[in-house]
Amino acid sequence: MEIVLRSHHHVILINLIILNFVKVTVHFYDAKGQVIADSSCCYTDPTNIDPGHTSTFDSFAVANEISGEPVSYRLSYDWNK
């Protein structure tokens, strides 16, 4: 398994409630703006984020799961209250 893209990011919580089990999905796009891969492997560390705090996450994409040349990405988040 070859990992092509790997990055390390921070999530900052600007909210009034604790978010539990925060999962980050990275959507990779080609030059035409088409989605070529989604990476939904990654939870923040720590997984629960208190109001005003930050949490980090690592993300990656595997070569055989990408259907083109990535030129940009977008992040989305899911969590439990």
Protein backbone atom coordinates (compact mmCIF):
# COMPACT_ATOMS: atom_id res chain seq x y z
CA MET A 1 0.00 0.00 0.00
CA GLU A 2 1.53 3.31 -1.09
CA ILE A 3 0.53 6.47 0.74
CA VAL A 4 0.61 9.39 -1.66
CA LEU A 5 -0.65 12.33 0.34
CA ARG A 6 -0.18 12.82 4.05
CA SER A 7 -0.74 15.94 6.09
CA HIS A 8 -1.07 17.09 9.68
CA HIS A 9 -3.73 19.66 10.62
CA HIS A 10 -5.34 21.35 13.60
CA VAL A 11 -9.03 21.72 14.36
CA ILE A 12 -10.07 24.72 16.47
CA LEU A 13 -13.43 24.47 18.21
CA ILE A 14 -15.35 27.73 18.36
CA ASN A 15 -18.55 26.49 19.92
CA LEU A 16 -20.37 26.30 23.24
CA ILE A 17 -20.62 22.52 23.48
CA ILE A 18 -18.15 19.65 23.64
CA LEU A 19 -17.85 17.71 20.39
CA ASN A 20 -17.27 13.98 20.87
CA PHE A 21 -15.58 11.57 18.49
CA VAL A 22 -14.70 14.19 15.88
CA LYS A 23 -14.05 12.49 12.53
CA VAL A 24 -12.40 14.41 9.69
CA THR A 25 -13.01 13.60 6.03
CA VAL A 26 -10.66 14.98 3.37
CA HIS A 27 -12.19 15.43 -0.09
CA PHE A 28 -9.54 15.60 -2.85
CA TYR A 29 -10.28 17.45 -6.11
CA ASP A 30 -8.68 17.49 -9.55
CA ALA A 31 -8.09 20.59 -11.72
CA LYS A 32 -11.68 20.43 -13.01
CA GLY A 33 -13.08 20.54 -9.48
CA GLN A 34 -14.21 16.91 -9.55
CA VAL A 35 -13.85 14.74 -6.43
CA ILE A 36 -11.19 12.11 -7.09
CA ALA A 37 -10.87 10.64 -3.59
CA ASP A 38 -12.26 10.82 -0.07
CA SER A 39 -10.29 9.90 3.00
CA SER A 40 -12.49 9.30 6.02
CA CYS A 41 -10.00 7.42 8.13
CA CYS A 42 -9.15 10.04 10.62
CA TYR A 43 -10.29 11.07 14.07
CA THR A 44 -8.91 14.05 15.92
CA ASP A 45 -6.46 13.56 18.78
CA PRO A 46 -7.94 13.88 21.31
CA THR A 47 -11.23 12.66 19.85
CA ASN A 48 -13.31 14.95 22.10
CA ILE A 49 -12.85 18.72 21.78
CA ASP A 50 -13.86 21.17 24.51
CA PRO A 51 -15.07 24.70 23.60
CA GLY A 52 -12.13 26.99 22.80
CA HIS A 53 -9.64 24.12 22.51
CA THR A 54 -7.78 22.64 19.57
CA SER A 55 -7.20 19.11 18.41
CA THR A 56 -4.94 17.69 15.72
CA PHE A 57 -5.47 15.05 13.07
CA ASP A 58 -3.41 13.28 10.45
CA SER A 59 -4.86 12.37 7.09
CA PHE A 60 -3.69 10.32 4.15
CA ALA A 61 -4.76 8.97 0.80
CA VAL A 62 -3.68 5.68 -0.73
CA ALA A 63 -2.47 5.72 -4.36
CA ASN A 64 -4.84 3.06 -5.67
CA GLU A 65 -7.85 4.95 -4.21
CA ILE A 66 -7.17 8.19 -6.12
CA SER A 67 -8.67 8.47 -9.59
CA GLY A 68 -6.67 11.46 -10.88
CA GLU A 69 -4.18 14.18 -9.94
CA PRO A 70 -5.17 16.01 -6.73
CA VAL A 71 -4.75 19.80 -6.87
CA SER A 72 -6.91 20.88 -3.92
CA TYR A 73 -8.83 19.52 -0.98
CA ARG A 74 -11.74 20.34 1.35
CA LEU A 75 -12.27 19.18 4.91
CA SER A 76 -15.57 18.17 6.49
CA TYR A 77 -16.26 17.11 10.05
CA ASP A 78 -18.70 14.77 11.78
CA TRP A 79 -19.19 14.43 15.52
CA ASN A 80 -21.50 13.35 18.32
CA LYS A 81 -22.91 15.72 20.94
